Amino acid sequence: MSTLDVARTELALAVLYLNKAEARDKICRAIQYGSKFVSNGDSGTAQNVDKSTSLARKVFRLFKFVNDLHALISPTTPGTPLSIVLLGKSKNALLSLKGPSLLKRRCCYILKP
């Protein structure tokens, strides 16, 4: 098994986990916006839930760029026009490069005292 095949396999496992994390993010988003509606801007339990779920969603979105990295190195389906393949791969390349810089910014924002 080549190194690229191993990387593809590991990234596929990471993507499976991140898809579950994306579902958790959607659930947290519903809870967050529901608590914003209930709190109506007043301080209390609902506003604390809003702040907590906001922080949890940031953590879920930290490694979202791995999905684009996986799409970048995965093989394309045979018969796909070259222009479509190049367009898709260039989009994935740009998004996967953008991810680590966002990761650094988000980690600094989350971990600041």
PDB file of N, CA and C in Angstrom:
ATOM      1  N   MET A   1       0.851  -1.177   0.000  1.00  0.00           N
ATOM      2  CA  MET A   1       0.000   0.000   0.000  1.00  0.00           C
ATOM      3  C   MET A   1       0.897   1.242   0.000  1.00  0.00           C
ATOM      4  N   SER A   2       0.642   2.139  -0.922  1.00  0.00           N
ATOM      5  CA  SER A   2       1.488   3.318  -1.031  1.00  0.00           C
ATOM      6  C   SER A   2       1.144   4.347   0.049  1.00  0.00           C
ATOM      7  N   THR A   3       2.014   5.315   0.175  1.00  0.00           N
ATOM      8  CA  THR A   3       1.812   6.366   1.166  1.00  0.00           C
ATOM      9  C   THR A   3       0.553   7.166   0.877  1.00  0.00           C
ATOM     10  N   LEU A   4       0.276   7.394  -0.401  1.00  0.00           N
ATOM     11  CA  LEU A   4      -0.919   8.144  -0.775  1.00  0.00           C
ATOM     12  C   LEU A   4      -2.183   7.371  -0.407  1.00  0.00           C
ATOM     13  N   ASP A   5      -2.163   6.056  -0.592  1.00  0.00           N
ATOM     14  CA  ASP A   5      -3.321   5.242  -0.213  1.00  0.00           C
ATOM     15  C   ASP A   5      -3.553   5.278   1.297  1.00  0.00           C
ATOM     16  N   VAL A   6      -2.469   5.252   2.061  1.00  0.00           N
ATOM     17  CA  VAL A   6      -2.587   5.332   3.518  1.00  0.00           C
ATOM     18  C   VAL A   6      -3.162   6.685   3.919  1.00  0.00           C
ATOM     19  N   ALA A   7      -2.682   7.753   3.284  1.00  0.00           N
ATOM     20  CA  ALA A   7      -3.190   9.093   3.589  1.00  0.00           C
ATOM     21  C   ALA A   7      -4.672   9.207   3.235  1.00  0.00           C
ATOM     22  N   ARG A   8      -5.051   8.622   2.099  1.00  0.00           N
ATOM     23  CA  ARG A   8      -6.469   8.648   1.706  1.00  0.00           C
ATOM     24  C   ARG A   8      -7.332   7.904   2.719  1.00  0.00           C
ATOM     25  N   THR A   9      -6.856   6.764   3.177  1.00  0.00           N
ATOM     26  CA  THR A   9      -7.614   5.983   4.146  1.00  0.00           C
ATOM     27  C   THR A   9      -7.771   6.739   5.457  1.00  0.00           C
ATOM     28  N   GLU A  10      -6.676   7.335   5.934  1.00  0.00           N
ATOM     29  CA  GLU A  10      -6.746   8.089   7.189  1.00  0.00           C
ATOM     30  C   GLU A  10      -7.653   9.307   7.050  1.00  0.00           C
ATOM     31  N   LEU A  11      -7.564   9.987   5.920  1.00  0.00           N
ATOM     32  CA  LEU A  11      -8.432  11.145   5.716  1.00  0.00           C
ATOM     33  C   LEU A  11      -9.891  10.735   5.591  1.00  0.00           C
ATOM     34  N   ALA A  12     -10.149   9.580   4.998  1.00  0.00           N
ATOM     35  CA  ALA A  12     -11.534   9.107   4.887  1.00  0.00           C
ATOM     36  C   ALA A  12     -12.124   8.864   6.274  1.00  0.00           C
ATOM     37  N   LEU A  13     -11.318   8.308   7.184  1.00  0.00           N
ATOM     38  CA  LEU A  13     -11.790   8.107   8.555  1.00  0.00           C
ATOM     39  C   LEU A  13     -12.040   9.440   9.250  1.00  0.00           C
ATOM     40  N   ALA A  14     -11.160  10.405   9.015  1.00  0.00           N
ATOM     41  CA  ALA A  14     -11.346  11.734   9.604  1.00  0.00           C
ATOM     42  C   ALA A  14     -12.609  12.401   9.061  1.00  0.00           C
ATOM     43  N   VAL A  15     -12.873  12.217   7.776  1.00  0.00           N
ATOM     44  CA  VAL A  15     -14.073  12.805   7.165  1.00  0.00           C
ATOM     45  C   VAL A  15     -15.329  12.178   7.755  1.00  0.00           C
ATOM     46  N   LEU A  16     -15.307  10.863   7.984  1.00  0.00           N
ATOM     47  CA  LEU A  16     -16.468  10.221   8.613  1.00  0.00           C
ATOM     48  C   LEU A  16     -16.743  10.822   9.982  1.00  0.00           C
ATOM     49  N   TYR A  17     -15.681  11.037  10.758  1.00  0.00           N
ATOM     50  CA  TYR A  17     -15.863  11.639  12.076  1.00  0.00           C
ATOM     51  C   TYR A  17     -16.346  13.081  11.954  1.00  0.00           C
ATOM     52  N   LEU A  18     -15.773  13.831  11.024  1.00  0.00           N
ATOM     53  CA  LEU A  18     -16.158  15.231  10.881  1.00  0.00           C
ATOM     54  C   LEU A  18     -17.592  15.378  10.407  1.00  0.00           C
ATOM     55  N   ASN A  19     -18.080  14.438   9.614  1.00  0.00           N
ATOM     56  CA  ASN A  19     -19.479  14.496   9.208  1.00  0.00           C
ATOM     57  C   ASN A  19     -20.390  14.353  10.425  1.00  0.00           C
ATOM     58  N   LYS A  20     -19.972  13.521  11.374  1.00  0.00           N
ATOM     59  CA  LYS A  20     -20.730  13.421  12.618  1.00  0.00           C
ATOM     60  C   LYS A  20     -20.618  14.721  13.397  1.00  0.00           C
ATOM     61  N   ALA A  21     -19.426  15.328  13.393  1.00  0.00           N
ATOM     62  CA  ALA A  21     -19.233  16.603  14.084  1.00  0.00           C
ATOM     63  C   ALA A  21     -20.072  17.701  13.427  1.00  0.00           C
ATOM     64  N   GLU A  22     -20.227  17.618  12.108  1.00  0.00           N
ATOM     65  CA  GLU A  22     -21.056  18.594  11.407  1.00  0.00           C
ATOM     66  C   GLU A  22     -22.518  18.448  11.820  1.00  0.00           C
ATOM     67  N   ALA A  23     -22.956  17.225  12.044  1.00  0.00           N
ATOM     68  CA  ALA A  23     -24.322  17.012  12.528  1.00  0.00           C
ATOM     69  C   ALA A  23     -24.473  17.584  13.927  1.00  0.00           C
ATOM     70  N   ARG A  24     -23.442  17.392  14.765  1.00  0.00           N
ATOM     71  CA  ARG A  24     -23.483  17.974  16.109  1.00  0.00           C
ATOM     72  C   ARG A  24     -23.529  19.492  16.036  1.00  0.00           C
ATOM     73  N   ASP A  25     -22.812  20.058  15.088  1.00  0.00           N
ATOM     74  CA  ASP A  25     -22.808  21.512  14.929  1.00  0.00           C
ATOM     75  C   ASP A  25     -24.202  22.014  14.569  1.00  0.00           C
ATOM     76  N   LYS A  26     -24.898  21.278  13.714  1.00  0.00           N
ATOM     77  CA  LYS A  26     -26.261  21.684  13.338  1.00  0.00           C
ATOM     78  C   LYS A  26     -27.210  21.603  14.520  1.00  0.00           C
ATOM     79  N   ILE A  27     -27.056  20.578  15.332  1.00  0.00           N
ATOM     80  CA  ILE A  27     -27.896  20.459  16.525  1.00  0.00           C
ATOM     81  C   ILE A  27     -27.600  21.599  17.500  1.00  0.00           C
ATOM     82  N   CYS A  28     -26.304  21.884  17.690  1.00  0.00           N
ATOM     83  CA  CYS A  28     -25.928  22.992  18.575  1.00  0.00           C
ATOM     84  C   CYS A  28     -26.439  24.321  18.042  1.00  0.00           C
ATOM     85  N   ARG A  29     -26.431  24.482  16.727  1.00  0.00           N
ATOM     86  CA  ARG A  29     -26.941  25.721  16.133  1.00  0.00           C
ATOM     87  C   ARG A  29     -28.425  25.891  16.445  1.00  0.00           C
ATOM     88  N   ALA A  30     -29.180  24.817  16.347  1.00  0.00           N
ATOM     89  CA  ALA A  30     -30.606  24.892  16.666  1.00  0.00           C
ATOM     90  C   ALA A  30     -30.815  25.252  18.136  1.00  0.00           C
ATOM     91  N   ILE A  31     -30.016  24.638  19.008  1.00  0.00           N
ATOM     92  CA  ILE A  31     -30.113  24.959  20.440  1.00  0.00           C
ATOM     93  C   ILE A  31     -29.711  26.406  20.697  1.00  0.00           C
ATOM     94  N   GLN A  32     -28.631  26.845  20.038  1.00  0.00           N
ATOM     95  CA  GLN A  32     -28.146  28.208  20.231  1.00  0.00           C
ATOM     96  C   GLN A  32     -29.199  29.234  19.810  1.00  0.00           C
ATOM     97  N   TYR A  33     -29.756  29.071  18.629  1.00  0.00           N
ATOM     98  CA  TYR A  33     -30.725  30.052  18.153  1.00  0.00           C
ATOM     99  C   TYR A  33     -32.039  29.965  18.926  1.00  0.00           C
ATOM    100  N   GLY A  34     -32.394  28.770  19.363  1.00  0.00           N
ATOM    101  CA  GLY A  34     -33.580  28.632  20.205  1.00  0.00           C
ATOM    102  C   GLY A  34     -33.406  29.340  21.536  1.00  0.00           C
ATOM    103  N   SER A  35     -32.216  29.211  22.129  1.00  0.00           N
ATOM    104  CA  SER A  35     -31.969  29.891  23.405  1.00  0.00           C
ATOM    105  C   SER A  35     -31.885  31.405  23.225  1.00  0.00           C
ATOM    106  N   LYS A  36     -31.394  31.860  22.058  1.00  0.00           N
ATOM    107  CA  LYS A  36     -31.412  33.304  21.787  1.00  0.00           C
ATOM    108  C   LYS A  36     -32.846  33.805  21.731  1.00  0.00           C
ATOM    109  N   PHE A  37     -33.720  33.030  21.114  1.00  0.00           N
ATOM    110  CA  PHE A  37     -35.118  33.412  21.005  1.00  0.00           C
ATOM    111  C   PHE A  37     -35.774  33.442  22.384  1.00  0.00           C
ATOM    112  N   VAL A  38     -35.496  32.420  23.201  1.00  0.00           N
ATOM    113  CA  VAL A  38     -36.108  32.333  24.526  1.00  0.00           C
ATOM    114  C   VAL A  38     -35.586  33.436  25.446  1.00  0.00           C
ATOM    115  N   SER A  39     -34.268  33.711  25.382  1.00  0.00           N
ATOM    116  CA  SER A  39     -33.695  34.698  26.308  1.00  0.00           C
ATOM    117  C   SER A  39     -34.114  36.121  25.969  1.00  0.00           C
ATOM    118  N   ASN A  40     -34.336  36.396  24.691  1.00  0.00           N
ATOM    119  CA  ASN A  40     -34.747  37.724  24.249  1.00  0.00           C
ATOM    120  C   ASN A  40     -33.760  38.807  24.700  1.00  0.00           C
ATOM    121  N   GLY A  41     -32.480  38.444  24.813  1.00  0.00           N
ATOM    122  CA  GLY A  41     -31.447  39.407  25.185  1.00  0.00           C
ATOM    123  C   GLY A  41     -31.275  39.599  26.674  1.00  0.00           C
ATOM    124  N   ASP A  42     -32.131  38.988  27.480  1.00  0.00           N
ATOM    125  CA  ASP A  42     -32.004  39.112  28.935  1.00  0.00           C
ATOM    126  C   ASP A  42     -30.984  38.109  29.445  1.00  0.00           C
ATOM    127  N   SER A  43     -30.244  38.506  30.487  1.00  0.00           N
ATOM    128  CA  SER A  43     -29.267  37.580  31.057  1.00  0.00           C
ATOM    129  C   SER A  43     -30.004  36.503  31.855  1.00  0.00           C
ATOM    130  N   GLY A  44     -29.415  35.348  31.918  1.00  0.00           N
ATOM    131  CA  GLY A  44     -30.029  34.223  32.625  1.00  0.00           C
ATOM    132  C   GLY A  44     -29.554  32.914  32.043  1.00  0.00           C
ATOM    133  N   THR A  45     -30.264  31.870  32.344  1.00  0.00           N
ATOM    134  CA  THR A  45     -29.883  30.522  31.924  1.00  0.00           C
ATOM    135  C   THR A  45     -29.878  30.385  30.406  1.00  0.00           C
ATOM    136  N   ALA A  46     -30.883  30.936  29.745  1.00  0.00           N
ATOM    137  CA  ALA A  46     -30.967  30.803  28.286  1.00  0.00           C
ATOM    138  C   ALA A  46     -29.790  31.496  27.606  1.00  0.00           C
ATOM    139  N   GLN A  47     -29.372  32.639  28.124  1.00  0.00           N
ATOM    140  CA  GLN A  47     -28.224  33.333  27.524  1.00  0.00           C
ATOM    141  C   GLN A  47     -26.927  32.566  27.796  1.00  0.00           C
ATOM    142  N   ASN A  48     -26.816  31.917  28.955  1.00  0.00           N
ATOM    143  CA  ASN A  48     -25.642  31.093  29.240  1.00  0.00           C
ATOM    144  C   ASN A  48     -25.577  29.896  28.292  1.00  0.00           C
ATOM    145  N   VAL A  49     -26.742  29.305  27.991  1.00  0.00           N
ATOM    146  CA  VAL A  49     -26.791  28.202  27.028  1.00  0.00           C
ATOM    147  C   VAL A  49     -26.354  28.701  25.651  1.00  0.00           C
ATOM    148  N   ASP A  50     -26.785  29.892  25.272  1.00  0.00           N
ATOM    149  CA  ASP A  50     -26.402  30.489  24.000  1.00  0.00           C
ATOM    150  C   ASP A  50     -24.890  30.644  23.900  1.00  0.00           C
ATOM    151  N   LYS A  51     -24.259  31.169  24.942  1.00  0.00           N
ATOM    152  CA  LYS A  51     -22.809  31.371  24.927  1.00  0.00           C
ATOM    153  C   LYS A  51     -22.057  30.033  24.902  1.00  0.00           C
ATOM    154  N   SER A  52     -22.546  29.065  25.655  1.00  0.00           N
ATOM    155  CA  SER A  52     -21.880  27.755  25.700  1.00  0.00           C
ATOM    156  C   SER A  52     -21.953  27.045  24.350  1.00  0.00           C
ATOM    157  N   THR A  53     -23.126  27.059  23.739  1.00  0.00           N
ATOM    158  CA  THR A  53     -23.250  26.389  22.445  1.00  0.00           C
ATOM    159  C   THR A  53     -22.490  27.129  21.360  1.00  0.00           C
ATOM    160  N   SER A  54     -22.356  28.440  21.488  1.00  0.00           N
ATOM    161  CA  SER A  54     -21.560  29.202  20.525  1.00  0.00           C
ATOM    162  C   SER A  54     -20.105  28.748  20.569  1.00  0.00           C
ATOM    163  N   LEU A  55     -19.570  28.564  21.767  1.00  0.00           N
ATOM    164  CA  LEU A  55     -18.192  28.094  21.913  1.00  0.00           C
ATOM    165  C   LEU A  55     -18.038  26.661  21.415  1.00  0.00           C
ATOM    166  N   ALA A  56     -19.026  25.818  21.690  1.00  0.00           N
ATOM    167  CA  ALA A  56     -18.968  24.424  21.233  1.00  0.00           C
ATOM    168  C   ALA A  56     -18.974  24.358  19.713  1.00  0.00           C
ATOM    169  N   ARG A  57     -19.753  25.211  19.069  1.00  0.00           N
ATOM    170  CA  ARG A  57     -19.801  25.216  17.602  1.00  0.00           C
ATOM    171  C   ARG A  57     -18.460  25.620  17.014  1.00  0.00           C
ATOM    172  N   LYS A  58     -17.764  26.538  17.662  1.00  0.00           N
ATOM    173  CA  LYS A  58     -16.434  26.929  17.167  1.00  0.00           C
ATOM    174  C   LYS A  58     -15.482  25.741  17.201  1.00  0.00           C
ATOM    175  N   VAL A  59     -15.564  24.956  18.255  1.00  0.00           N
ATOM    176  CA  VAL A  59     -14.698  23.778  18.368  1.00  0.00           C
ATOM    177  C   VAL A  59     -15.046  22.761  17.284  1.00  0.00           C
ATOM    178  N   PHE A  60     -16.343  22.558  17.005  1.00  0.00           N
ATOM    179  CA  PHE A  60     -16.746  21.600  15.978  1.00  0.00           C
ATOM    180  C   PHE A  60     -16.243  22.019  14.598  1.00  0.00           C
ATOM    181  N   ARG A  61     -16.145  23.319  14.363  1.00  0.00           N
ATOM    182  CA  ARG A  61     -15.746  23.804  13.035  1.00  0.00           C
ATOM    183  C   ARG A  61     -14.236  23.908  12.858  1.00  0.00           C
ATOM    184  N   LEU A  62     -13.455  23.584  13.890  1.00  0.00           N
ATOM    185  CA  LEU A  62     -12.006  23.761  13.816  1.00  0.00           C
ATOM    186  C   LEU A  62     -11.374  23.016  12.645  1.00  0.00           C
ATOM    187  N   PHE A  63     -11.686  21.749  12.496  1.00  0.00           N
ATOM    188  CA  PHE A  63     -11.010  20.929  11.498  1.00  0.00           C
ATOM    189  C   PHE A  63     -11.871  20.656  10.278  1.00  0.00           C
ATOM    190  N   LYS A  64     -12.766  21.566   9.959  1.00  0.00           N
ATOM    191  CA  LYS A  64     -13.660  21.372   8.824  1.00  0.00           C
ATOM    192  C   LYS A  64     -12.898  21.343   7.491  1.00  0.00           C
ATOM    193  N   PHE A  65     -11.713  21.939   7.449  1.00  0.00           N
ATOM    194  CA  PHE A  65     -10.933  21.988   6.211  1.00  0.00           C
ATOM    195  C   PHE A  65     -10.428  20.614   5.790  1.00  0.00           C
ATOM    196  N   VAL A  66     -10.460  19.632   6.687  1.00  0.00           N
ATOM    197  CA  VAL A  66      -9.984  18.288   6.347  1.00  0.00           C
ATOM    198  C   VAL A  66     -10.863  17.678   5.252  1.00  0.00           C
ATOM    199  N   ASN A  67     -12.152  18.017   5.235  1.00  0.00           N
ATOM    200  CA  ASN A  67     -13.032  17.521   4.177  1.00  0.00           C
ATOM    201  C   ASN A  67     -12.550  17.963   2.803  1.00  0.00           C
ATOM    202  N   ASP A  68     -12.118  19.224   2.686  1.00  0.00           N
ATOM    203  CA  ASP A  68     -11.619  19.719   1.406  1.00  0.00           C
ATOM    204  C   ASP A  68     -10.284  19.087   1.049  1.00  0.00           C
ATOM    205  N   LEU A  69      -9.451  18.846   2.044  1.00  0.00           N
ATOM    206  CA  LEU A  69      -8.176  18.181   1.790  1.00  0.00           C
ATOM    207  C   LEU A  69      -8.402  16.765   1.279  1.00  0.00           C
ATOM    208  N   HIS A  70      -9.366  16.075   1.846  1.00  0.00           N
ATOM    209  CA  HIS A  70      -9.682  14.717   1.399  1.00  0.00           C
ATOM    210  C   HIS A  70     -10.195  14.731  -0.042  1.00  0.00           C
ATOM    211  N   ALA A  71     -11.063  15.678  -0.360  1.00  0.00           N
ATOM    212  CA  ALA A  71     -11.578  15.770  -1.730  1.00  0.00           C
ATOM    213  C   ALA A  71     -10.474  16.121  -2.714  1.00  0.00           C
ATOM    214  N   LEU A  72      -9.474  16.850  -2.246  1.00  0.00           N
ATOM    215  CA  LEU A  72      -8.363  17.239  -3.119  1.00  0.00           C
ATOM    216  C   LEU A  72      -7.521  16.038  -3.529  1.00  0.00           C
ATOM    217  N   ILE A  73      -7.247  15.126  -2.605  1.00  0.00           N
ATOM    218  CA  ILE A  73      -6.353  14.013  -2.948  1.00  0.00           C
ATOM    219  C   ILE A  73      -7.099  12.751  -3.379  1.00  0.00           C
ATOM    220  N   SER A  74      -8.417  12.751  -3.290  1.00  0.00           N
ATOM    221  CA  SER A  74      -9.149  11.556  -3.716  1.00  0.00           C
ATOM    222  C   SER A  74      -9.238  11.515  -5.245  1.00  0.00           C
ATOM    223  N   PRO A  75      -9.248  10.328  -5.815  1.00  0.00           N
ATOM    224  CA  PRO A  75      -9.299  10.212  -7.279  1.00  0.00           C
ATOM    225  C   PRO A  75     -10.666  10.640  -7.819  1.00  0.00           C
ATOM    226  N   THR A  76     -10.670  11.126  -9.038  1.00  0.00           N
ATOM    227  CA  THR A  76     -11.925  11.565  -9.658  1.00  0.00           C
ATOM    228  C   THR A  76     -12.596  10.398 -10.364  1.00  0.00           C
ATOM    229  N   THR A  77     -13.875  10.545 -10.630  1.00  0.00           N
ATOM    230  CA  THR A  77     -14.595   9.490 -11.336  1.00  0.00           C
ATOM    231  C   THR A  77     -14.220   9.524 -12.813  1.00  0.00           C
ATOM    232  N   PRO A  78     -14.074   8.362 -13.413  1.00  0.00           N
ATOM    233  CA  PRO A  78     -13.727   8.322 -14.832  1.00  0.00           C
ATOM    234  C   PRO A  78     -14.830   8.937 -15.691  1.00  0.00           C
ATOM    235  N   GLY A  79     -14.429   9.633 -16.726  1.00  0.00           N
ATOM    236  CA  GLY A  79     -15.388  10.227 -17.638  1.00  0.00           C
ATOM    237  C   GLY A  79     -15.771  11.660 -17.290  1.00  0.00           C
ATOM    238  N   THR A  80     -15.274  12.166 -16.166  1.00  0.00           N
ATOM    239  CA  THR A  80     -15.573  13.546 -15.791  1.00  0.00           C
ATOM    240  C   THR A  80     -14.735  14.476 -16.665  1.00  0.00           C
ATOM    241  N   PRO A  81     -15.337  15.519 -17.238  1.00  0.00           N
ATOM    242  CA  PRO A  81     -14.567  16.442 -18.072  1.00  0.00           C
ATOM    243  C   PRO A  81     -13.433  17.094 -17.283  1.00  0.00           C
ATOM    244  N   LEU A  82     -12.308  17.294 -17.966  1.00  0.00           N
ATOM    245  CA  LEU A  82     -11.124  17.829 -17.321  1.00  0.00           C
ATOM    246  C   LEU A  82     -11.388  19.202 -16.710  1.00  0.00           C
ATOM    247  N   SER A  83     -12.169  20.035 -17.381  1.00  0.00           N
ATOM    248  CA  SER A  83     -12.436  21.377 -16.851  1.00  0.00           C
ATOM    249  C   SER A  83     -13.179  21.308 -15.518  1.00  0.00           C
ATOM    250  N   ILE A  84     -14.101  20.375 -15.384  1.00  0.00           N
ATOM    251  CA  ILE A  84     -14.846  20.218 -14.130  1.00  0.00           C
ATOM    252  C   ILE A  84     -13.924  19.695 -13.035  1.00  0.00           C
ATOM    253  N   VAL A  85     -13.054  18.749 -13.387  1.00  0.00           N
ATOM    254  CA  VAL A  85     -12.114  18.200 -12.413  1.00  0.00           C
ATOM    255  C   VAL A  85     -11.177  19.299 -11.918  1.00  0.00           C
ATOM    256  N   LEU A  86     -10.619  20.087 -12.831  1.00  0.00           N
ATOM    257  CA  LEU A  86      -9.696  21.154 -12.438  1.00  0.00           C
ATOM    258  C   LEU A  86     -10.387  22.214 -11.597  1.00  0.00           C
ATOM    259  N   LEU A  87     -11.603  22.552 -11.945  1.00  0.00           N
ATOM    260  CA  LEU A  87     -12.348  23.542 -11.174  1.00  0.00           C
ATOM    261  C   LEU A  87     -12.606  23.042  -9.752  1.00  0.00           C
ATOM    262  N   GLY A  88     -13.036  21.797  -9.637  1.00  0.00           N
ATOM    263  CA  GLY A  88     -13.311  21.227  -8.317  1.00  0.00           C
ATOM    264  C   GLY A  88     -12.057  21.091  -7.471  1.00  0.00           C
ATOM    265  N   LYS A  89     -10.975  20.620  -8.083  1.00  0.00           N
ATOM    266  CA  LYS A  89      -9.728  20.436  -7.340  1.00  0.00           C
ATOM    267  C   LYS A  89      -9.131  21.773  -6.917  1.00  0.00           C
ATOM    268  N   SER A  90      -9.245  22.799  -7.771  1.00  0.00           N
ATOM    269  CA  SER A  90      -8.707  24.109  -7.392  1.00  0.00           C
ATOM    270  C   SER A  90      -9.510  24.698  -6.234  1.00  0.00           C
ATOM    271  N   LYS A  91     -10.836  24.499  -6.236  1.00  0.00           N
ATOM    272  CA  LYS A  91     -11.659  24.963  -5.121  1.00  0.00           C
ATOM    273  C   LYS A  91     -11.245  24.258  -3.834  1.00  0.00           C
ATOM    274  N   ASN A  92     -11.067  22.935  -3.913  1.00  0.00           N
ATOM    275  CA  ASN A  92     -10.667  22.176  -2.731  1.00  0.00           C
ATOM    276  C   ASN A  92      -9.283  22.581  -2.249  1.00  0.00           C
ATOM    277  N   ALA A  93      -8.386  22.877  -3.187  1.00  0.00           N
ATOM    278  CA  ALA A  93      -7.036  23.297  -2.797  1.00  0.00           C
ATOM    279  C   ALA A  93      -7.077  24.625  -2.052  1.00  0.00           C
ATOM    280  N   LEU A  94      -7.850  25.569  -2.562  1.00  0.00           N
ATOM    281  CA  LEU A  94      -7.936  26.869  -1.904  1.00  0.00           C
ATOM    282  C   LEU A  94      -8.579  26.758  -0.528  1.00  0.00           C
ATOM    283  N   LEU A  95      -9.629  25.976  -0.413  1.00  0.00           N
ATOM    284  CA  LEU A  95     -10.288  25.839   0.876  1.00  0.00           C
ATOM    285  C   LEU A  95      -9.437  25.067   1.877  1.00  0.00           C
ATOM    286  N   SER A  96      -8.682  24.080   1.420  1.00  0.00           N
ATOM    287  CA  SER A  96      -7.843  23.332   2.353  1.00  0.00           C
ATOM    288  C   SER A  96      -6.652  24.161   2.808  1.00  0.00           C
ATOM    289  N   LEU A  97      -6.189  25.098   1.985  1.00  0.00           N
ATOM    290  CA  LEU A  97      -5.111  25.988   2.415  1.00  0.00           C
ATOM    291  C   LEU A  97      -5.631  27.053   3.369  1.00  0.00           C
ATOM    292  N   LYS A  98      -6.866  27.452   3.197  1.00  0.00           N
ATOM    293  CA  LYS A  98      -7.464  28.469   4.053  1.00  0.00           C
ATOM    294  C   LYS A  98      -7.715  27.911   5.453  1.00  0.00           C
ATOM    295  N   GLY A  99      -7.970  26.628   5.550  1.00  0.00           N
ATOM    296  CA  GLY A  99      -8.326  26.003   6.821  1.00  0.00           C
ATOM    297  C   GLY A  99      -7.300  26.136   7.921  1.00  0.00           C
ATOM    298  N   PRO A 100      -6.016  25.812   7.679  1.00  0.00           N
ATOM    299  CA  PRO A 100      -5.045  25.919   8.772  1.00  0.00           C
ATOM    300  C   PRO A 100      -4.891  27.333   9.309  1.00  0.00           C
ATOM    301  N   SER A 101      -5.009  28.350   8.465  1.00  0.00           N
ATOM    302  CA  SER A 101      -4.900  29.714   8.982  1.00  0.00           C
ATOM    303  C   SER A 101      -6.107  30.055   9.838  1.00  0.00           C
ATOM    304  N   LEU A 102      -7.295  29.571   9.425  1.00  0.00           N
ATOM    305  CA  LEU A 102      -8.481  29.769  10.252  1.00  0.00           C
ATOM    306  C   LEU A 102      -8.349  29.007  11.564  1.00  0.00           C
ATOM    307  N   LEU A 103      -7.755  27.814  11.499  1.00  0.00           N
ATOM    308  CA  LEU A 103      -7.555  27.011  12.693  1.00  0.00           C
ATOM    309  C   LEU A 103      -6.697  27.763  13.693  1.00  0.00           C
ATOM    310  N   LYS A 104      -5.640  28.386  13.219  1.00  0.00           N
ATOM    311  CA  LYS A 104      -4.750  29.127  14.105  1.00  0.00           C
ATOM    312  C   LYS A 104      -5.495  30.297  14.747  1.00  0.00           C
ATOM    313  N   ARG A 105      -6.260  31.032  13.937  1.00  0.00           N
ATOM    314  CA  ARG A 105      -7.010  32.169  14.474  1.00  0.00           C
ATOM    315  C   ARG A 105      -8.064  31.719  15.473  1.00  0.00           C
ATOM    316  N   ARG A 106      -8.779  30.636  15.149  1.00  0.00           N
ATOM    317  CA  ARG A 106      -9.837  30.171  16.036  1.00  0.00           C
ATOM    318  C   ARG A 106      -9.276  29.649  17.343  1.00  0.00           C
ATOM    319  N   CYS A 107      -8.143  28.933  17.285  1.00  0.00           N
ATOM    320  CA  CYS A 107      -7.536  28.428  18.511  1.00  0.00           C
ATOM    321  C   CYS A 107      -7.112  29.577  19.404  1.00  0.00           C
ATOM    322  N   CYS A 108      -6.529  30.607  18.824  1.00  0.00           N
ATOM    323  CA  CYS A 108      -6.116  31.766  19.617  1.00  0.00           C
ATOM    324  C   CYS A 108      -7.330  32.456  20.214  1.00  0.00           C
ATOM    325  N   TYR A 109      -8.427  32.525  19.470  1.00  0.00           N
ATOM    326  CA  TYR A 109      -9.644  33.180  19.960  1.00  0.00           C
ATOM    327  C   TYR A 109     -10.282  32.355  21.068  1.00  0.00           C
ATOM    328  N   ILE A 110     -10.327  31.038  20.900  1.00  0.00           N
ATOM    329  CA  ILE A 110     -10.985  30.176  21.890  1.00  0.00           C
ATOM    330  C   ILE A 110     -10.168  30.107  23.161  1.00  0.00           C
ATOM    331  N   LEU A 111      -8.843  30.049  23.030  1.00  0.00           N
ATOM    332  CA  LEU A 111      -7.998  29.821  24.185  1.00  0.00           C
ATOM    333  C   LEU A 111      -7.568  31.093  24.896  1.00  0.00           C
ATOM    334  N   LYS A 112      -7.916  32.252  24.374  1.00  0.00           N
ATOM    335  CA  LYS A 112      -7.475  33.477  25.042  1.00  0.00           C
ATOM    336  C   LYS A 112      -8.215  33.633  26.365  1.00  0.00           C
ATOM    337  N   PRO A 113      -7.522  34.164  27.369  1.00  0.00           N
ATOM    338  CA  PRO A 113      -8.138  34.268  28.703  1.00  0.00           C
ATOM    339  C   PRO A 113      -9.208  35.327  28.783  1.00  0.00           C
TER     340      PRO A 113
END
